[in-house]
């Protein structure tokens, strides 16, 4: 398994790739985010917990070390596991 970067390393890498900001997002256990969009594109790395990301008819189960990407204005929904989840989100506005 590939070593997990630190938040500082992740931030530096994503900023060097043209992302505008990198945030740490923490979600409570069993949180649900109904279908929505964002006015930015995102690349994120799950660092703890588990989540399910649904885009269209596809649902991905994501855990520590997994990454996901979403283009700006892409409808998606999120479900977080019983332990919640934390991911680092690089945003490109």
N, C-alpha and C. Protein backbone atom coordinates (compact mmCIF):
# COMPACT_ATOMS: atom_id res chain seq x y z
N UNK A 1 0.85 -1.19 0.00
CA UNK A 1 0.00 0.00 0.00
C UNK A 1 0.89 1.25 0.00
N UNK A 2 0.49 2.22 -0.79
CA UNK A 2 1.23 3.46 -0.91
C UNK A 2 1.13 4.27 0.39
N UNK A 3 2.23 4.89 0.79
CA UNK A 3 2.24 5.70 2.01
C UNK A 3 1.33 6.92 1.84
N UNK A 4 0.61 7.25 2.90
CA UNK A 4 -0.29 8.40 2.89
C UNK A 4 0.55 9.67 3.10
N UNK A 5 0.34 10.69 2.26
CA UNK A 5 1.06 11.94 2.47
C UNK A 5 0.53 12.65 3.70
N UNK A 6 1.26 13.63 4.18
CA UNK A 6 0.73 14.52 5.21
C UNK A 6 -0.19 15.53 4.52
N UNK A 7 -1.00 16.21 5.28
CA UNK A 7 -1.87 17.24 4.71
C UNK A 7 -1.02 18.32 4.04
N UNK A 8 0.09 18.68 4.64
CA UNK A 8 0.96 19.71 4.06
C UNK A 8 1.52 19.25 2.71
N UNK A 9 1.93 17.99 2.62
CA UNK A 9 2.44 17.45 1.35
C UNK A 9 1.34 17.42 0.29
N UNK A 10 0.15 16.97 0.70
CA UNK A 10 -0.98 16.90 -0.22
C UNK A 10 -1.32 18.30 -0.73
N UNK A 11 -1.38 19.26 0.19
CA UNK A 11 -1.69 20.64 -0.18
C UNK A 11 -0.67 21.19 -1.18
N UNK A 12 0.61 21.00 -0.89
CA UNK A 12 1.67 21.51 -1.78
C UNK A 12 1.56 20.89 -3.17
N UNK A 13 1.31 19.59 -3.23
CA UNK A 13 1.19 18.90 -4.52
C UNK A 13 0.02 19.43 -5.32
N UNK A 14 -1.14 19.55 -4.70
CA UNK A 14 -2.34 19.99 -5.42
C UNK A 14 -2.23 21.46 -5.83
N UNK A 15 -1.68 22.31 -4.97
CA UNK A 15 -1.51 23.71 -5.35
C UNK A 15 -0.56 23.82 -6.54
N UNK A 16 0.46 22.97 -6.59
CA UNK A 16 1.40 23.00 -7.71
C UNK A 16 0.74 22.53 -9.02
N UNK A 17 -0.38 21.80 -8.89
CA UNK A 17 -1.13 21.32 -10.06
C UNK A 17 -2.21 22.31 -10.50
N UNK A 18 -2.30 23.46 -9.82
CA UNK A 18 -3.25 24.49 -10.23
C UNK A 18 -4.53 24.56 -9.43
N UNK A 19 -4.66 23.74 -8.38
CA UNK A 19 -5.84 23.87 -7.52
C UNK A 19 -5.70 25.14 -6.70
N UNK A 20 -6.83 25.75 -6.34
CA UNK A 20 -6.82 27.03 -5.62
C UNK A 20 -6.70 26.89 -4.12
N UNK A 21 -7.26 25.82 -3.59
CA UNK A 21 -7.28 25.64 -2.14
C UNK A 21 -7.38 24.17 -1.80
N UNK A 22 -6.97 23.82 -0.60
CA UNK A 22 -7.09 22.45 -0.10
C UNK A 22 -7.67 22.54 1.31
N UNK A 23 -8.78 21.83 1.51
CA UNK A 23 -9.49 21.85 2.79
C UNK A 23 -9.57 20.45 3.38
N UNK A 24 -9.60 20.38 4.70
CA UNK A 24 -9.88 19.11 5.36
C UNK A 24 -11.37 19.10 5.69
N UNK A 25 -12.07 18.06 5.21
CA UNK A 25 -13.50 17.93 5.46
C UNK A 25 -13.74 16.73 6.37
N UNK A 26 -14.42 16.96 7.49
CA UNK A 26 -14.73 15.89 8.44
C UNK A 26 -16.24 15.72 8.49
N UNK A 27 -16.70 14.47 8.36
CA UNK A 27 -18.13 14.18 8.34
C UNK A 27 -18.49 13.27 9.50
N UNK A 28 -19.60 13.55 10.12
CA UNK A 28 -20.11 12.77 11.24
C UNK A 28 -20.58 11.39 10.78
N UNK A 29 -20.73 10.49 11.72
CA UNK A 29 -21.18 9.14 11.41
C UNK A 29 -22.56 9.18 10.74
N UNK A 30 -22.68 8.36 9.71
CA UNK A 30 -23.93 8.17 8.97
C UNK A 30 -24.50 9.45 8.35
N UNK A 31 -23.66 10.45 8.13
CA UNK A 31 -24.12 11.68 7.49
C UNK A 31 -24.52 11.38 6.04
N UNK A 32 -25.51 12.11 5.58
CA UNK A 32 -26.01 11.96 4.21
C UNK A 32 -26.05 13.33 3.56
N UNK A 33 -25.49 13.42 2.37
CA UNK A 33 -25.58 14.62 1.55
C UNK A 33 -26.38 14.22 0.31
N UNK A 34 -27.61 14.68 0.22
CA UNK A 34 -28.45 14.37 -0.92
C UNK A 34 -27.82 14.94 -2.19
N UNK A 35 -28.32 14.54 -3.33
CA UNK A 35 -27.77 14.98 -4.62
C UNK A 35 -27.62 16.50 -4.65
N UNK A 36 -26.42 16.93 -5.07
CA UNK A 36 -26.10 18.34 -5.15
C UNK A 36 -24.94 18.53 -6.13
N UNK A 37 -24.59 19.77 -6.38
CA UNK A 37 -23.45 20.10 -7.25
C UNK A 37 -22.57 21.12 -6.53
N UNK A 38 -21.38 21.36 -7.09
CA UNK A 38 -20.47 22.38 -6.57
C UNK A 38 -20.03 23.27 -7.73
N UNK A 39 -19.80 24.56 -7.45
CA UNK A 39 -19.33 25.47 -8.50
C UNK A 39 -17.80 25.42 -8.68
N UNK A 40 -17.21 24.27 -8.40
CA UNK A 40 -15.77 24.07 -8.53
C UNK A 40 -15.52 22.59 -8.83
N UNK A 41 -14.36 22.30 -9.41
CA UNK A 41 -13.97 20.90 -9.57
C UNK A 41 -13.19 20.50 -8.31
N UNK A 42 -13.14 19.21 -8.05
CA UNK A 42 -12.50 18.75 -6.83
C UNK A 42 -11.73 17.46 -7.08
N UNK A 43 -10.62 17.33 -6.38
CA UNK A 43 -9.87 16.08 -6.30
C UNK A 43 -9.66 15.86 -4.81
N UNK A 44 -10.04 14.69 -4.32
CA UNK A 44 -10.00 14.47 -2.87
C UNK A 44 -9.38 13.13 -2.53
N UNK A 45 -8.79 13.09 -1.35
CA UNK A 45 -8.16 11.89 -0.81
C UNK A 45 -8.81 11.56 0.52
N UNK A 46 -9.40 10.36 0.62
CA UNK A 46 -9.99 9.92 1.88
C UNK A 46 -8.86 9.51 2.81
N UNK A 47 -8.85 10.06 4.03
CA UNK A 47 -7.77 9.76 4.97
C UNK A 47 -8.23 8.95 6.17
N UNK A 48 -9.54 8.92 6.44
CA UNK A 48 -10.05 8.04 7.50
C UNK A 48 -11.53 7.79 7.27
N UNK A 49 -12.02 6.68 7.81
CA UNK A 49 -13.42 6.33 7.69
C UNK A 49 -13.76 5.80 6.30
N UNK A 50 -15.06 5.72 6.06
CA UNK A 50 -15.56 5.23 4.77
C UNK A 50 -16.72 6.10 4.31
N UNK A 51 -16.85 6.16 2.99
CA UNK A 51 -17.94 6.91 2.38
C UNK A 51 -18.35 6.24 1.08
N UNK A 52 -19.54 6.58 0.63
CA UNK A 52 -20.04 6.11 -0.65
C UNK A 52 -20.40 7.36 -1.44
N UNK A 53 -19.86 7.43 -2.66
CA UNK A 53 -20.08 8.56 -3.55
C UNK A 53 -20.86 8.06 -4.75
N UNK A 54 -22.01 8.67 -4.99
CA UNK A 54 -22.86 8.27 -6.11
C UNK A 54 -22.88 9.37 -7.15
N UNK A 55 -22.49 9.00 -8.37
CA UNK A 55 -22.53 9.90 -9.52
C UNK A 55 -23.29 9.15 -10.60
N UNK A 56 -24.42 9.70 -11.00
CA UNK A 56 -25.27 9.00 -11.97
C UNK A 56 -25.74 7.69 -11.39
N UNK A 57 -25.52 6.59 -12.12
CA UNK A 57 -25.94 5.26 -11.65
C UNK A 57 -24.80 4.49 -10.99
N UNK A 58 -23.66 5.14 -10.78
CA UNK A 58 -22.50 4.45 -10.21
C UNK A 58 -22.23 4.93 -8.79
N UNK A 59 -22.04 3.96 -7.89
CA UNK A 59 -21.70 4.27 -6.51
C UNK A 59 -20.34 3.67 -6.20
N UNK A 60 -19.43 4.49 -5.70
CA UNK A 60 -18.10 4.04 -5.31
C UNK A 60 -18.00 3.99 -3.80
N UNK A 61 -17.46 2.90 -3.27
CA UNK A 61 -17.15 2.82 -1.85
C UNK A 61 -15.69 3.24 -1.69
N UNK A 62 -15.46 4.21 -0.83
CA UNK A 62 -14.13 4.80 -0.68
C UNK A 62 -13.68 4.72 0.77
N UNK A 63 -12.41 4.36 0.97
CA UNK A 63 -11.83 4.30 2.30
C UNK A 63 -10.46 4.95 2.29
N UNK A 64 -9.73 4.86 3.39
CA UNK A 64 -8.42 5.51 3.49
C UNK A 64 -7.50 5.15 2.32
N UNK A 65 -6.94 6.19 1.70
CA UNK A 65 -6.04 6.02 0.57
C UNK A 65 -6.73 6.12 -0.78
N UNK A 66 -8.06 6.08 -0.80
CA UNK A 66 -8.80 6.19 -2.07
C UNK A 66 -8.98 7.66 -2.44
N UNK A 67 -8.93 7.93 -3.74
CA UNK A 67 -9.15 9.27 -4.24
C UNK A 67 -10.41 9.31 -5.11
N UNK A 68 -10.99 10.49 -5.18
CA UNK A 68 -12.08 10.70 -6.13
C UNK A 68 -11.95 12.09 -6.73
N UNK A 69 -12.54 12.24 -7.91
CA UNK A 69 -12.53 13.51 -8.63
C UNK A 69 -13.93 13.80 -9.12
N UNK A 70 -14.28 15.05 -9.09
CA UNK A 70 -15.56 15.50 -9.63
C UNK A 70 -15.34 16.77 -10.42
N UNK A 71 -15.93 16.84 -11.59
CA UNK A 71 -15.90 18.08 -12.36
C UNK A 71 -16.91 19.06 -11.79
N UNK A 72 -16.68 20.31 -12.06
CA UNK A 72 -17.59 21.38 -11.66
C UNK A 72 -19.01 21.04 -12.11
N UNK A 73 -20.00 21.32 -11.26
CA UNK A 73 -21.43 21.16 -11.57
C UNK A 73 -21.86 19.72 -11.85
N UNK A 74 -21.09 18.73 -11.37
CA UNK A 74 -21.47 17.33 -11.53
C UNK A 74 -22.40 16.92 -10.39
N UNK A 75 -23.64 16.51 -10.69
CA UNK A 75 -24.54 16.06 -9.63
C UNK A 75 -23.99 14.79 -8.97
N UNK A 76 -24.02 14.78 -7.64
CA UNK A 76 -23.54 13.62 -6.88
C UNK A 76 -24.18 13.62 -5.50
N UNK A 77 -24.13 12.45 -4.85
CA UNK A 77 -24.64 12.31 -3.48
C UNK A 77 -23.57 11.60 -2.67
N UNK A 78 -23.59 11.82 -1.35
CA UNK A 78 -22.59 11.24 -0.46
C UNK A 78 -23.27 10.60 0.75
N UNK A 79 -22.73 9.47 1.16
CA UNK A 79 -23.16 8.77 2.37
C UNK A 79 -21.91 8.40 3.13
N UNK A 80 -21.92 8.64 4.43
CA UNK A 80 -20.75 8.38 5.26
C UNK A 80 -21.03 7.23 6.21
N UNK A 81 -20.01 6.43 6.49
CA UNK A 81 -20.14 5.24 7.30
C UNK A 81 -20.35 5.51 8.78
N UNK A 82 -20.50 4.44 9.57
CA UNK A 82 -20.80 4.59 10.99
C UNK A 82 -19.69 5.30 11.78
N UNK A 83 -18.46 5.30 11.26
CA UNK A 83 -17.37 6.00 11.93
C UNK A 83 -17.15 7.39 11.34
N UNK A 84 -18.00 7.81 10.38
CA UNK A 84 -17.81 9.07 9.71
C UNK A 84 -16.67 8.96 8.72
N UNK A 85 -16.16 10.06 8.25
CA UNK A 85 -15.04 10.06 7.31
C UNK A 85 -14.38 11.43 7.29
N UNK A 86 -13.10 11.40 6.94
CA UNK A 86 -12.34 12.65 6.73
C UNK A 86 -11.66 12.53 5.39
N UNK A 87 -11.75 13.61 4.60
CA UNK A 87 -10.98 13.64 3.36
C UNK A 87 -10.41 15.03 3.16
N UNK A 88 -9.35 15.09 2.36
CA UNK A 88 -8.73 16.35 1.98
C UNK A 88 -9.20 16.68 0.57
N UNK A 89 -9.79 17.84 0.41
CA UNK A 89 -10.38 18.24 -0.86
C UNK A 89 -9.63 19.39 -1.49
N UNK A 90 -9.06 19.16 -2.65
CA UNK A 90 -8.43 20.21 -3.43
C UNK A 90 -9.47 20.76 -4.39
N UNK A 91 -9.69 22.06 -4.34
CA UNK A 91 -10.71 22.68 -5.17
C UNK A 91 -10.08 23.58 -6.24
N UNK A 92 -10.69 23.53 -7.41
CA UNK A 92 -10.29 24.43 -8.50
C UNK A 92 -11.51 25.24 -8.88
N UNK A 93 -11.48 26.53 -8.52
CA UNK A 93 -12.62 27.41 -8.76
C UNK A 93 -12.62 27.97 -10.17
